[in-house]
Amino acid sequence: MPRTILRITGTDARDFLQGLVTNDVARIDRDGIVYAALLTPQGKYIADFFLVTDEDGILLDVASALAPALMQRLTMYKLRADVRIEETTLNVSRGTGPAP
C-alpha cells in the first residue's frame, strides 16, 4: 500500500496535533513513534497514521489514499496556529523477507 509522508512544522505543531489526534503526541519523545487517528467531531474515522519526530518538526505517515482528506482537514483546523503542513518526497518501505 503506497504511503504519503506529511511534515508538520512550526512552533505550535505539537499543541496543534495534541488537540486533534486520538493519542498523546508527547509520547513521541518517550516511544519514538506514535500511532494515532483523526476523527470527525461526531467520532467518524478520517485517517489513521504514525507520527515520528524530525529535526524540523513531526513526520506523519499515512496511506496515500487517505492523505488528501487528511491534509484538507488539518489545513481547515490550522486557523491562526503557527503550523505548516506540507507533503514530502520521502518514501516508506518495509521488508518482507528475513531481517538483514
C-alpha atoms as a PDB file:
ATOM      1  CA  MET A   1       0.000   0.000   0.000  1.00  0.00           C
ATOM      2  CA  PRO A   2       1.559   3.349  -1.004  1.00  0.00           C
ATOM      3  CA  ARG A   3       2.262   5.793   1.809  1.00  0.00           C
ATOM      4  CA  THR A   4       2.492   9.584   1.949  1.00  0.00           C
ATOM      5  CA  ILE A   5       4.652  11.469   4.421  1.00  0.00           C
ATOM      6  CA  LEU A   6       3.498  14.885   5.605  1.00  0.00           C
ATOM      7  CA  ARG A   7       5.818  17.214   7.537  1.00  0.00           C
ATOM      8  CA  ILE A   8       4.204  19.362  10.217  1.00  0.00           C
ATOM      9  CA  THR A   9       6.379  22.206  11.425  1.00  0.00           C
ATOM     10  CA  GLY A  10       6.081  25.457  13.345  1.00  0.00           C
ATOM     11  CA  THR A  11       6.144  26.490  16.975  1.00  0.00           C
ATOM     12  CA  ASP A  12       2.581  25.253  17.550  1.00  0.00           C
ATOM     13  CA  ALA A  13       2.951  21.899  15.726  1.00  0.00           C
ATOM     14  CA  ARG A  14       2.818  19.637  18.804  1.00  0.00           C
ATOM     15  CA  ASP A  15      -0.007  21.530  20.515  1.00  0.00           C
ATOM     16  CA  PHE A  16      -1.915  21.617  17.228  1.00  0.00           C
ATOM     17  CA  LEU A  17      -1.718  17.827  16.832  1.00  0.00           C
ATOM     18  CA  GLN A  18      -2.337  17.174  20.531  1.00  0.00           C
ATOM     19  CA  GLY A  19      -5.714  18.876  20.252  1.00  0.00           C
ATOM     20  CA  LEU A  20      -6.763  16.868  17.183  1.00  0.00           C
ATOM     21  CA  VAL A  21      -5.483  13.289  17.235  1.00  0.00           C
ATOM     22  CA  THR A  22      -6.555  10.276  19.276  1.00  0.00           C
ATOM     23  CA  ASN A  23      -3.248   9.640  21.044  1.00  0.00           C
ATOM     24  CA  ASP A  24      -0.857  11.575  23.283  1.00  0.00           C
ATOM     25  CA  VAL A  25       1.604  13.363  21.000  1.00  0.00           C
ATOM     26  CA  ALA A  26       4.066  13.774  23.907  1.00  0.00           C
ATOM     27  CA  ARG A  27       4.672  10.010  23.739  1.00  0.00           C
ATOM     28  CA  ILE A  28       6.795  10.633  20.634  1.00  0.00           C
ATOM     29  CA  ASP A  29       9.682  11.692  22.881  1.00  0.00           C
ATOM     30  CA  ARG A  30       9.401   8.542  25.011  1.00  0.00           C
ATOM     31  CA  ASP A  31       8.358   5.896  22.464  1.00  0.00           C
ATOM     32  CA  GLY A  32       9.854   7.297  19.246  1.00  0.00           C
ATOM     33  CA  ILE A  33       6.694   6.581  17.227  1.00  0.00           C
ATOM     34  CA  VAL A  34       3.022   7.141  17.968  1.00  0.00           C
ATOM     35  CA  TYR A  35       0.049   5.536  16.243  1.00  0.00           C
ATOM     36  CA  ALA A  36      -2.973   7.856  16.141  1.00  0.00           C
ATOM     37  CA  ALA A  37      -6.057   8.725  14.119  1.00  0.00           C
ATOM     38  CA  LEU A  38      -8.076  11.766  13.177  1.00  0.00           C
ATOM     39  CA  LEU A  39     -11.832  11.602  13.647  1.00  0.00           C
ATOM     40  CA  THR A  40     -14.686  13.931  12.743  1.00  0.00           C
ATOM     41  CA  PRO A  41     -16.344  15.839  15.606  1.00  0.00           C
ATOM     42  CA  GLN A  42     -19.009  13.089  15.537  1.00  0.00           C
ATOM     43  CA  GLY A  43     -16.325  10.416  16.019  1.00  0.00           C
ATOM     44  CA  LYS A  44     -16.249   9.050  12.471  1.00  0.00           C
ATOM     45  CA  TYR A  45     -12.952   7.826  11.045  1.00  0.00           C
ATOM     46  CA  ILE A  46     -10.991  10.066   8.660  1.00  0.00           C
ATOM     47  CA  ALA A  47      -7.492   8.551   8.739  1.00  0.00           C
ATOM     48  CA  ASP A  48      -5.020   6.674  10.897  1.00  0.00           C
ATOM     49  CA  PHE A  49      -1.294   7.337  10.777  1.00  0.00           C
ATOM     50  CA  PHE A  50       2.058   7.171  12.501  1.00  0.00           C
ATOM     51  CA  LEU A  51       3.831  10.187  13.986  1.00  0.00           C
ATOM     52  CA  VAL A  52       7.620  10.453  14.408  1.00  0.00           C
ATOM     53  CA  THR A  53       9.888  13.384  15.175  1.00  0.00           C
ATOM     54  CA  ASP A  54      12.008  15.052  12.557  1.00  0.00           C
ATOM     55  CA  GLU A  55      14.695  17.693  13.078  1.00  0.00           C
ATOM     56  CA  ASP A  56      12.274  20.280  11.689  1.00  0.00           C
ATOM     57  CA  GLY A  57       9.045  19.048  13.290  1.00  0.00           C
ATOM     58  CA  ILE A  58       6.864  15.958  13.095  1.00  0.00           C
ATOM     59  CA  LEU A  59       6.518  13.500  10.227  1.00  0.00           C
ATOM     60  CA  LEU A  60       3.082  11.988   9.658  1.00  0.00           C
ATOM     61  CA  ASP A  61       2.999   8.673   7.751  1.00  0.00           C
ATOM     62  CA  VAL A  62      -0.437   7.971   6.231  1.00  0.00           C
ATOM     63  CA  ALA A  63      -1.845   5.746   3.490  1.00  0.00           C
ATOM     64  CA  SER A  64      -1.726   7.692   0.228  1.00  0.00           C
ATOM     65  CA  ALA A  65      -5.439   7.109  -0.408  1.00  0.00           C
ATOM     66  CA  LEU A  66      -6.271   8.924   2.856  1.00  0.00           C
ATOM     67  CA  ALA A  67      -3.701  11.713   2.511  1.00  0.00           C
ATOM     68  CA  PRO A  68      -5.788  14.278   0.556  1.00  0.00           C
ATOM     69  CA  ALA A  69      -8.714  14.194   3.022  1.00  0.00           C
ATOM     70  CA  LEU A  70      -6.332  14.317   5.984  1.00  0.00           C
ATOM     71  CA  MET A  71      -4.381  17.240   4.516  1.00  0.00           C
ATOM     72  CA  GLN A  72      -7.629  19.112   3.832  1.00  0.00           C
ATOM     73  CA  ARG A  73      -8.914  18.556   7.377  1.00  0.00           C
ATOM     74  CA  LEU A  74      -5.619  19.514   9.045  1.00  0.00           C
ATOM     75  CA  THR A  75      -5.414  22.673   6.937  1.00  0.00           C
ATOM     76  CA  MET A  76      -9.000  23.538   7.880  1.00  0.00           C
ATOM     77  CA  TYR A  77      -8.202  23.216  11.604  1.00  0.00           C
ATOM     78  CA  LYS A  78      -4.940  25.169  11.360  1.00  0.00           C
ATOM     79  CA  LEU A  79      -6.592  28.599  11.711  1.00  0.00           C
ATOM     80  CA  ARG A  80      -4.046  31.040  13.172  1.00  0.00           C
ATOM     81  CA  ALA A  81      -1.697  28.471  14.679  1.00  0.00           C
ATOM     82  CA  ASP A  82       1.973  28.725  13.721  1.00  0.00           C
ATOM     83  CA  VAL A  83       1.843  25.448  11.789  1.00  0.00           C
ATOM     84  CA  ARG A  84       2.950  24.496   8.301  1.00  0.00           C
ATOM     85  CA  ILE A  85       1.748  21.276   6.687  1.00  0.00           C
ATOM     86  CA  GLU A  86       3.489  20.054   3.574  1.00  0.00           C
ATOM     87  CA  GLU A  87       3.766  16.847   1.626  1.00  0.00           C
ATOM     88  CA  THR A  88       7.298  15.474   1.414  1.00  0.00           C
ATOM     89  CA  THR A  89       9.046  13.366  -1.187  1.00  0.00           C
ATOM     90  CA  LEU A  90      10.145  10.822   1.450  1.00  0.00           C
ATOM     91  CA  ASN A  91       9.384   7.160   0.765  1.00  0.00           C
ATOM     92  CA  VAL A  92       8.384   4.431   3.180  1.00  0.00           C
ATOM     93  CA  SER A  93       9.371   0.850   2.587  1.00  0.00           C
ATOM     94  CA  ARG A  94       9.162  -2.286   4.639  1.00  0.00           C
ATOM     95  CA  GLY A  95      10.975  -5.537   4.444  1.00  0.00           C
ATOM     96  CA  THR A  96       9.054  -8.700   3.706  1.00  0.00           C
ATOM     97  CA  GLY A  97      11.909 -11.166   3.969  1.00  0.00           C
ATOM     98  CA  PRO A  98      14.361 -12.129   6.679  1.00  0.00           C
ATOM     99  CA  ALA A  99      15.977  -9.359   8.679  1.00  0.00           C
ATOM    100  CA  PRO A 100      19.422  -8.312   7.425  1.00  0.00           C
END
